[in-house]
Amino acid sequence: MMTREPLTLPEDTMIIEAEEKMQKHRVSTLLVTNKANKVTGLVRIFD
């Protein structure tokens, strides 16, 4: 990723919320983080 401050969402976020965030920010990928704010995965609009 070539973003200084990538968009993230917590692991327990509902998929509809992730989709809304992607649409709002016009991105196709969000990083998933745990409670310690460590990246644990990613969600892509194409998944």
C-alpha atoms as a PDB file:
ATOM      1  CA  MET A   1       0.000   0.000   0.000  1.00  0.00           C
ATOM      2  CA  MET A   2       1.242   3.414  -0.875  1.00  0.00           C
ATOM      3  CA  THR A   3      -0.822   5.353   1.681  1.00  0.00           C
ATOM      4  CA  ARG A   4       0.679   7.114   4.674  1.00  0.00           C
ATOM      5  CA  GLU A   5      -2.467   6.645   6.755  1.00  0.00           C
ATOM      6  CA  PRO A   6      -4.392   3.667   5.352  1.00  0.00           C
ATOM      7  CA  LEU A   7      -8.016   3.220   6.325  1.00  0.00           C
ATOM      8  CA  THR A   8      -8.621   0.528   8.907  1.00  0.00           C
ATOM      9  CA  LEU A   9     -11.519  -1.182  10.593  1.00  0.00           C
ATOM     10  CA  PRO A  10     -11.794  -3.420  13.657  1.00  0.00           C
ATOM     11  CA  GLU A  11     -12.047  -7.203  13.262  1.00  0.00           C
ATOM     12  CA  ASP A  12     -15.641  -7.235  14.542  1.00  0.00           C
ATOM     13  CA  THR A  13     -16.961  -4.781  11.927  1.00  0.00           C
ATOM     14  CA  MET A  14     -19.984  -5.944   9.942  1.00  0.00           C
ATOM     15  CA  ILE A  15     -19.334  -6.340   6.220  1.00  0.00           C
ATOM     16  CA  ILE A  16     -22.016  -3.771   5.345  1.00  0.00           C
ATOM     17  CA  GLU A  17     -20.148  -1.181   7.440  1.00  0.00           C
ATOM     18  CA  ALA A  18     -16.925  -2.020   5.615  1.00  0.00           C
ATOM     19  CA  GLU A  19     -18.683  -1.586   2.272  1.00  0.00           C
ATOM     20  CA  GLU A  20     -20.108   1.781   3.339  1.00  0.00           C
ATOM     21  CA  LYS A  21     -16.661   2.980   4.441  1.00  0.00           C
ATOM     22  CA  MET A  22     -15.145   1.903   1.115  1.00  0.00           C
ATOM     23  CA  GLN A  23     -17.820   3.773  -0.818  1.00  0.00           C
ATOM     24  CA  LYS A  24     -17.495   6.883   1.350  1.00  0.00           C
ATOM     25  CA  HIS A  25     -13.718   7.068   0.901  1.00  0.00           C
ATOM     26  CA  ARG A  26     -13.671   5.702  -2.668  1.00  0.00           C
ATOM     27  CA  VAL A  27     -11.261   2.882  -1.873  1.00  0.00           C
ATOM     28  CA  SER A  28     -11.387  -0.815  -2.691  1.00  0.00           C
ATOM     29  CA  THR A  29      -9.307  -2.149   0.229  1.00  0.00           C
ATOM     30  CA  LEU A  30      -9.395  -1.685   4.007  1.00  0.00           C
ATOM     31  CA  LEU A  31      -6.957  -3.059   6.566  1.00  0.00           C
ATOM     32  CA  VAL A  32      -8.449  -5.107   9.407  1.00  0.00           C
ATOM     33  CA  THR A  33      -6.985  -4.518  12.872  1.00  0.00           C
ATOM     34  CA  ASN A  34      -7.282  -6.255  16.234  1.00  0.00           C
ATOM     35  CA  LYS A  35      -7.790  -4.619  19.637  1.00  0.00           C
ATOM     36  CA  ALA A  36      -4.034  -3.956  19.872  1.00  0.00           C
ATOM     37  CA  ASN A  37      -4.309  -2.044  16.566  1.00  0.00           C
ATOM     38  CA  LYS A  38      -2.167  -4.629  14.776  1.00  0.00           C
ATOM     39  CA  VAL A  39      -3.082  -5.481  11.191  1.00  0.00           C
ATOM     40  CA  THR A  40      -4.615  -8.951  11.020  1.00  0.00           C
ATOM     41  CA  GLY A  41      -5.935  -8.928   7.476  1.00  0.00           C
ATOM     42  CA  LEU A  42      -7.625  -6.939   4.772  1.00  0.00           C
ATOM     43  CA  VAL A  43     -10.982  -6.668   3.079  1.00  0.00           C
ATOM     44  CA  ARG A  44     -11.282  -5.957  -0.618  1.00  0.00           C
ATOM     45  CA  ILE A  45     -14.433  -4.891  -2.437  1.00  0.00           C
ATOM     46  CA  PHE A  46     -13.943  -7.896  -4.717  1.00  0.00           C
ATOM     47  CA  ASP A  47     -13.941 -10.462  -1.863  1.00  0.00           C
END
